Structure formats: C-alpha cells, structure tokens
Amino acid sequence: MKIMLDTNVLISSLIFGGTPKQLIERLLLMGHDIYISDYIENEFLDKIHLKWPQKEDDLRKVYQKMNFIHCPSTEEKLGEVSKYNQTAYAGDFSDQLYKDCVT
C-alpha cells in the first residue's frame, strides 16, 4: 500500500510518540511504501528547528533513517502543469499533484 504522510503525523510520531509513532513503525515493518513530499519534509525540518531546537539534531538523525519515498513538491510540479488537465480534477489541484505521486 502507498501512504502519504503530512507534517502533523510526522511531528507527532517523532516528538510525542504514541499512536502516530506506532502507526508509522507498523507500516514500515509491514513493508508499505510511505511517501513524503519535499514540501512536507521542509516544513517538518523548519518546525523542529523553531519549536524544538534542543532536539533538532537527534530528530534529524531519526528522520534520515526512515525509509520514506520522496515526491516532488507542488511548486516543482506546478511548473509542469501543462501535462495535466486541471479542469478534470475536483477540489484543489495541488492535492491532485500529491495523489498523482502515490498512484
């Protein structure tokens, strides 16, 4: 199964543990593909730098050991917008770009 993480789940799993951490650990152990966009990664790194600077180095090390698959950010993909028919998608077009990454 392909799963896309958002920043809140990533932060919750690494900072607070609990259910989000157990979920990610279980998904990785079961061999599921976990995707994360460059945008989410950058947002995560910015937030840990601002909110938990004393833990930043350790959190970066743990994060780097995780086997996530990276997707291009929305900003990069929007440069290629001509290959998509935006009117064919319901909802936010940027959400579709992430969906395209994992499908």
Protein backbone atom coordinates (compact mmCIF):
# COMPACT_ATOMS: atom_id res chain seq x y z
CA MET A 1 0.00 0.00 0.00
CA LYS A 2 1.16 3.55 -0.73
CA ILE A 3 0.69 6.05 2.09
CA MET A 4 1.28 9.82 2.09
CA LEU A 5 2.27 11.45 5.38
CA ASP A 6 1.60 15.01 6.38
CA THR A 7 3.67 17.23 8.67
CA ASN A 8 1.43 16.79 11.73
CA VAL A 9 1.66 12.99 11.67
CA LEU A 10 5.42 13.15 11.19
CA ILE A 11 5.91 15.61 14.06
CA SER A 12 3.53 13.74 16.36
CA SER A 13 5.29 10.44 15.74
CA LEU A 14 8.79 11.77 16.38
CA ILE A 15 8.11 14.32 19.12
CA PHE A 16 5.25 12.83 21.11
CA GLY A 17 5.25 9.15 20.10
CA GLY A 18 2.04 7.34 20.92
CA THR A 19 -0.35 6.20 18.22
CA PRO A 20 1.29 8.11 15.31
CA LYS A 21 4.67 6.54 16.13
CA GLN A 22 3.16 3.08 16.46
CA LEU A 23 1.34 3.53 13.16
CA ILE A 24 4.48 4.54 11.24
CA GLU A 25 6.54 1.76 12.82
CA ARG A 26 3.89 -0.82 11.94
CA LEU A 27 3.53 0.45 8.37
CA LEU A 28 7.30 0.31 7.84
CA LEU A 29 7.56 -3.16 9.36
CA MET A 30 4.76 -4.40 7.12
CA GLY A 31 6.62 -3.14 4.05
CA HIS A 32 4.22 -0.40 2.98
CA ASP A 33 5.57 2.46 0.86
CA ILE A 34 5.43 5.71 2.83
CA TYR A 35 5.63 8.86 0.74
CA ILE A 36 6.56 12.35 1.84
CA SER A 37 6.78 15.43 -0.35
CA ASP A 38 9.74 17.77 -0.38
CA TYR A 39 7.37 20.46 0.88
CA ILE A 40 6.35 18.35 3.90
CA GLU A 41 9.95 17.47 4.64
CA ASN A 42 10.99 21.12 4.56
CA GLU A 43 8.02 22.14 6.72
CA PHE A 44 8.90 19.40 9.22
CA LEU A 45 12.56 20.46 9.40
CA ASP A 46 11.59 24.14 9.78
CA LYS A 47 9.14 23.35 12.60
CA ILE A 48 11.57 21.22 14.60
CA HIS A 49 14.19 23.95 14.19
CA LEU A 50 11.78 26.60 15.53
CA LYS A 51 9.93 24.65 18.22
CA TRP A 52 12.41 22.00 19.41
CA PRO A 53 15.91 23.32 18.69
CA GLN A 54 17.38 21.31 21.58
CA LYS A 55 16.18 18.07 19.93
CA GLU A 56 16.80 19.09 16.32
CA ASP A 57 19.98 17.08 15.70
CA ASP A 58 18.54 13.89 17.17
CA LEU A 59 15.25 14.30 15.30
CA ARG A 60 17.07 14.85 12.00
CA LYS A 61 19.08 11.66 12.55
CA VAL A 62 15.98 9.59 13.30
CA TYR A 63 14.14 11.10 10.34
CA GLN A 64 17.02 10.36 7.96
CA LYS A 65 16.98 6.69 8.98
CA MET A 66 13.33 6.31 7.98
CA ASN A 67 12.75 4.78 4.57
CA PHE A 68 10.37 7.35 3.11
CA ILE A 69 9.89 7.79 -0.62
CA HIS A 70 10.14 11.43 -1.66
CA CYS A 71 7.76 13.19 -4.06
CA PRO A 72 8.48 16.49 -5.79
CA SER A 73 6.92 19.49 -4.14
CA THR A 74 3.81 21.15 -5.51
CA GLU A 75 5.88 24.13 -6.57
CA GLU A 76 8.08 21.93 -8.78
CA LYS A 77 5.12 20.06 -10.25
CA LEU A 78 3.16 23.23 -10.97
CA GLY A 79 5.95 24.10 -13.41
CA GLU A 80 4.82 21.04 -15.38
CA VAL A 81 1.13 21.93 -15.21
CA SER A 82 0.72 21.81 -18.98
CA LYS A 83 0.73 18.00 -18.92
CA TYR A 84 -2.33 17.98 -16.64
CA ASN A 85 -5.89 18.92 -17.43
CA GLN A 86 -6.78 20.94 -14.31
CA THR A 87 -10.47 21.01 -15.13
CA ALA A 88 -10.59 17.21 -14.91
CA TYR A 89 -9.86 17.29 -11.17
CA ALA A 90 -12.34 18.09 -8.43
CA GLY A 91 -11.01 20.04 -5.48
CA ASP A 92 -7.60 21.57 -5.01
CA PHE A 93 -5.30 20.97 -7.97
CA SER A 94 -2.21 20.87 -5.73
CA ASP A 95 -3.78 17.95 -3.83
CA GLN A 96 -4.08 16.10 -7.11
CA LEU A 97 -0.35 16.51 -7.73
CA TYR A 98 0.37 14.65 -4.49
CA LYS A 99 -2.20 12.00 -5.35
CA ASP A 100 -0.50 11.54 -8.73
CA CYS A 101 2.77 10.89 -6.93
CA VAL A 102 1.42 7.91 -4.98
CA THR A 103 -0.89 6.38 -7.58
